Amino acid sequence: MAVGPRDYIDQLLVKKYADEKVDNADITKLVEPEKMLSAMGDFSNMHKNMMVLQNKLQNFCSALNTKCVQYRPSRLATA
């Protein structure tokens, strides 16, 4: 599999951008990877716990509504 420009337009683009410099910011100097991974892990655990709590609350509310429901006779049922 060949790598490189395949047609005339690609060749022109390669010539145009061959000498361009790109400023690749080195993020590792700004933030330590261990701290970033630790923060991401903490956020993930918090989100997981919130989802578990939401699920428990939803189940509790559903069970409570089921126990407290009162059925009333309908006018349409007697007709």
N, C-alpha and C. Protein backbone atom coordinates (compact mmCIF):
# COMPACT_ATOMS: atom_id res chain seq x y z
N MET A 1 0.84 -1.17 0.00
CA MET A 1 0.00 0.00 0.00
C MET A 1 0.88 1.23 0.00
N ALA A 2 0.75 2.06 -0.98
CA ALA A 2 1.58 3.25 -1.14
C ALA A 2 1.06 4.39 -0.28
N VAL A 3 2.00 5.14 0.28
CA VAL A 3 1.65 6.31 1.06
C VAL A 3 2.18 7.52 0.34
N GLY A 4 1.34 8.50 0.13
CA GLY A 4 1.77 9.71 -0.56
C GLY A 4 0.66 10.24 -1.44
N PRO A 5 0.94 11.35 -2.11
CA PRO A 5 -0.07 11.96 -2.98
C PRO A 5 -0.37 11.07 -4.18
N ARG A 6 -1.64 10.94 -4.50
CA ARG A 6 -2.04 10.06 -5.59
C ARG A 6 -2.38 10.82 -6.87
N ASP A 7 -2.85 12.05 -6.73
CA ASP A 7 -3.19 12.80 -7.94
C ASP A 7 -2.55 14.19 -7.85
N TYR A 8 -2.80 15.01 -8.86
CA TYR A 8 -2.15 16.31 -8.99
C TYR A 8 -2.52 17.25 -7.85
N ILE A 9 -3.78 17.24 -7.43
CA ILE A 9 -4.22 18.12 -6.33
C ILE A 9 -3.52 17.73 -5.04
N ASP A 10 -3.42 16.44 -4.77
CA ASP A 10 -2.73 15.99 -3.57
C ASP A 10 -1.25 16.39 -3.61
N GLN A 11 -0.63 16.31 -4.77
CA GLN A 11 0.78 16.70 -4.90
C GLN A 11 0.95 18.18 -4.59
N LEU A 12 0.03 19.01 -5.11
CA LEU A 12 0.10 20.45 -4.83
C LEU A 12 -0.09 20.74 -3.34
N LEU A 13 -1.01 20.04 -2.72
CA LEU A 13 -1.23 20.24 -1.28
C LEU A 13 0.00 19.82 -0.47
N VAL A 14 0.64 18.74 -0.88
CA VAL A 14 1.85 18.30 -0.18
C VAL A 14 2.95 19.35 -0.32
N LYS A 15 3.11 19.89 -1.50
CA LYS A 15 4.13 20.94 -1.70
C LYS A 15 3.81 22.18 -0.89
N LYS A 16 2.52 22.54 -0.83
CA LYS A 16 2.13 23.75 -0.12
C LYS A 16 2.37 23.64 1.38
N TYR A 17 2.02 22.50 1.95
CA TYR A 17 2.09 22.35 3.40
C TYR A 17 3.34 21.60 3.89
N ALA A 18 4.29 21.35 3.02
CA ALA A 18 5.49 20.60 3.41
C ALA A 18 6.32 21.35 4.43
N ASP A 19 6.39 22.68 4.32
CA ASP A 19 7.25 23.46 5.21
C ASP A 19 6.49 24.12 6.36
N GLU A 20 5.21 23.83 6.49
CA GLU A 20 4.43 24.44 7.57
C GLU A 20 4.83 23.83 8.91
N LYS A 21 4.92 24.67 9.90
CA LYS A 21 5.24 24.23 11.26
C LYS A 21 3.94 24.18 12.07
N VAL A 22 3.85 23.20 12.93
CA VAL A 22 2.68 23.04 13.77
C VAL A 22 3.12 23.15 15.22
N ASP A 23 2.36 23.91 15.99
CA ASP A 23 2.67 24.07 17.40
C ASP A 23 1.93 23.00 18.18
N ASN A 24 2.62 21.92 18.48
CA ASN A 24 2.04 20.84 19.27
C ASN A 24 2.27 21.13 20.74
N ALA A 25 1.23 21.56 21.42
CA ALA A 25 1.36 21.86 22.84
C ALA A 25 1.57 20.58 23.62
N ASP A 26 2.52 20.62 24.53
CA ASP A 26 2.80 19.45 25.35
C ASP A 26 2.00 19.57 26.64
N ILE A 27 0.89 18.86 26.71
CA ILE A 27 -0.01 18.96 27.85
C ILE A 27 0.59 18.33 29.09
N THR A 28 1.50 17.38 28.91
CA THR A 28 2.06 16.70 30.07
C THR A 28 2.84 17.66 30.97
N LYS A 29 3.26 18.79 30.44
CA LYS A 29 3.94 19.78 31.28
C LYS A 29 2.94 20.54 32.14
N LEU A 30 1.70 20.67 31.68
CA LEU A 30 0.69 21.42 32.40
C LEU A 30 -0.02 20.57 33.46
N VAL A 31 -0.35 19.33 33.11
CA VAL A 31 -1.10 18.46 34.00
C VAL A 31 -0.39 17.11 34.09
N GLU A 32 -0.21 16.65 35.31
CA GLU A 32 0.44 15.35 35.48
C GLU A 32 -0.55 14.25 35.11
N PRO A 33 -0.09 13.26 34.33
CA PRO A 33 -1.01 12.19 33.89
C PRO A 33 -1.65 11.43 35.05
N GLU A 34 -0.90 11.20 36.13
CA GLU A 34 -1.45 10.45 37.25
C GLU A 34 -2.61 11.22 37.90
N LYS A 35 -2.44 12.53 38.04
CA LYS A 35 -3.50 13.34 38.63
C LYS A 35 -4.73 13.37 37.72
N MET A 36 -4.50 13.46 36.42
CA MET A 36 -5.61 13.48 35.46
C MET A 36 -6.37 12.16 35.51
N LEU A 37 -5.66 11.04 35.51
CA LEU A 37 -6.32 9.74 35.57
C LEU A 37 -7.05 9.55 36.90
N SER A 38 -6.47 10.05 37.98
CA SER A 38 -7.12 9.97 39.28
C SER A 38 -8.41 10.78 39.29
N ALA A 39 -8.38 11.98 38.73
CA ALA A 39 -9.58 12.82 38.66
C ALA A 39 -10.65 12.17 37.78
N MET A 40 -10.24 11.59 36.66
CA MET A 40 -11.19 10.91 35.79
C MET A 40 -11.82 9.70 36.49
N GLY A 41 -11.00 8.97 37.25
CA GLY A 41 -11.51 7.82 38.00
C GLY A 41 -12.50 8.25 39.07
N ASP A 42 -12.18 9.35 39.78
CA ASP A 42 -13.09 9.87 40.80
C ASP A 42 -14.42 10.30 40.18
N PHE A 43 -14.35 10.98 39.06
CA PHE A 43 -15.58 11.42 38.37
C PHE A 43 -16.40 10.21 37.93
N SER A 44 -15.72 9.19 37.41
CA SER A 44 -16.41 7.99 36.96
C SER A 44 -17.10 7.28 38.13
N ASN A 45 -16.40 7.18 39.25
CA ASN A 45 -17.00 6.53 40.43
C ASN A 45 -18.20 7.33 40.95
N MET A 46 -18.08 8.66 40.96
CA MET A 46 -19.18 9.49 41.42
C MET A 46 -20.39 9.32 40.51
N HIS A 47 -20.17 9.32 39.20
CA HIS A 47 -21.26 9.16 38.25
C HIS A 47 -21.92 7.79 38.41
N LYS A 48 -21.12 6.76 38.61
CA LYS A 48 -21.66 5.41 38.80
C LYS A 48 -22.51 5.37 40.07
N ASN A 49 -22.01 5.95 41.16
CA ASN A 49 -22.77 5.96 42.40
C ASN A 49 -24.07 6.75 42.28
N MET A 50 -24.04 7.85 41.53
CA MET A 50 -25.26 8.62 41.31
C MET A 50 -26.29 7.81 40.52
N MET A 51 -25.83 7.05 39.54
CA MET A 51 -26.75 6.22 38.77
C MET A 51 -27.36 5.12 39.63
N VAL A 52 -26.54 4.51 40.50
CA VAL A 52 -27.05 3.47 41.40
C VAL A 52 -28.07 4.07 42.36
N LEU A 53 -27.76 5.25 42.91
CA LEU A 53 -28.68 5.93 43.82
C LEU A 53 -29.99 6.29 43.13
N GLN A 54 -29.89 6.78 41.90
CA GLN A 54 -31.09 7.13 41.14
C GLN A 54 -31.95 5.89 40.89
N ASN A 55 -31.30 4.77 40.59
CA ASN A 55 -32.04 3.52 40.36
C ASN A 55 -32.75 3.06 41.62
N LYS A 56 -32.05 3.13 42.77
CA LYS A 56 -32.68 2.74 44.03
C LYS A 56 -33.85 3.65 44.37
N LEU A 57 -33.69 4.95 44.17
CA LEU A 57 -34.76 5.89 44.45
C LEU A 57 -35.96 5.65 43.54
N GLN A 58 -35.70 5.37 42.28
CA GLN A 58 -36.79 5.09 41.34
C GLN A 58 -37.54 3.82 41.74
N ASN A 59 -36.82 2.79 42.14
CA ASN A 59 -37.47 1.55 42.57
C ASN A 59 -38.29 1.77 43.83
N PHE A 60 -37.74 2.53 44.78
CA PHE A 60 -38.46 2.82 46.02
C PHE A 60 -39.74 3.59 45.74
N CYS A 61 -39.65 4.62 44.92
CA CYS A 61 -40.83 5.43 44.59
C CYS A 61 -41.88 4.61 43.86
N SER A 62 -41.45 3.74 42.98
CA SER A 62 -42.37 2.89 42.26
C SER A 62 -43.09 1.94 43.21
N ALA A 63 -42.34 1.35 44.14
CA ALA A 63 -42.95 0.45 45.11
C ALA A 63 -43.91 1.20 46.03
N LEU A 64 -43.54 2.40 46.44
CA LEU A 64 -44.40 3.20 47.30
C LEU A 64 -45.69 3.58 46.58
N ASN A 65 -45.59 3.99 45.34
CA ASN A 65 -46.79 4.32 44.57
C ASN A 65 -47.69 3.11 44.38
N THR A 66 -47.09 1.93 44.21
CA THR A 66 -47.88 0.71 44.05
C THR A 66 -48.64 0.38 45.32
N LYS A 67 -48.00 0.58 46.48
CA LYS A 67 -48.66 0.26 47.75
C LYS A 67 -49.74 1.28 48.11
N CYS A 68 -49.58 2.51 47.69
CA CYS A 68 -50.51 3.58 48.08
C CYS A 68 -51.65 3.80 47.10
N VAL A 69 -51.66 3.07 46.03
CA VAL A 69 -52.68 3.31 45.02
C VAL A 69 -54.05 2.89 45.57
N GLN A 70 -55.06 3.68 45.28
CA GLN A 70 -56.43 3.37 45.67
C GLN A 70 -57.29 3.35 44.42
N TYR A 71 -57.96 2.25 44.24
CA TYR A 71 -58.80 2.12 43.06
C TYR A 71 -60.21 2.58 43.40
N ARG A 72 -60.78 3.35 42.53
CA ARG A 72 -62.15 3.84 42.70
C ARG A 72 -63.01 3.27 41.57
N PRO A 73 -64.22 2.96 41.89
CA PRO A 73 -65.09 2.45 40.82
C PRO A 73 -65.34 3.53 39.77
N SER A 74 -65.33 3.12 38.56
CA SER A 74 -65.52 4.05 37.46
C SER A 74 -66.99 4.10 37.04
N ARG A 75 -67.41 5.24 36.54
CA ARG A 75 -68.78 5.35 36.04
C ARG A 75 -68.99 4.46 34.84
N LEU A 76 -67.92 4.28 34.07
CA LEU A 76 -68.04 3.49 32.84
C LEU A 76 -68.13 2.01 33.13
N ALA A 77 -67.60 1.57 34.27
CA ALA A 77 -67.60 0.15 34.59
C ALA A 77 -69.01 -0.35 34.92
N THR A 78 -69.87 0.51 35.45
CA THR A 78 -71.23 0.09 35.82
C THR A 78 -72.20 0.14 34.65
N ALA A 79 -71.82 0.78 33.59
CA ALA A 79 -72.75 0.94 32.47
C ALA A 79 -72.90 -0.29 31.65
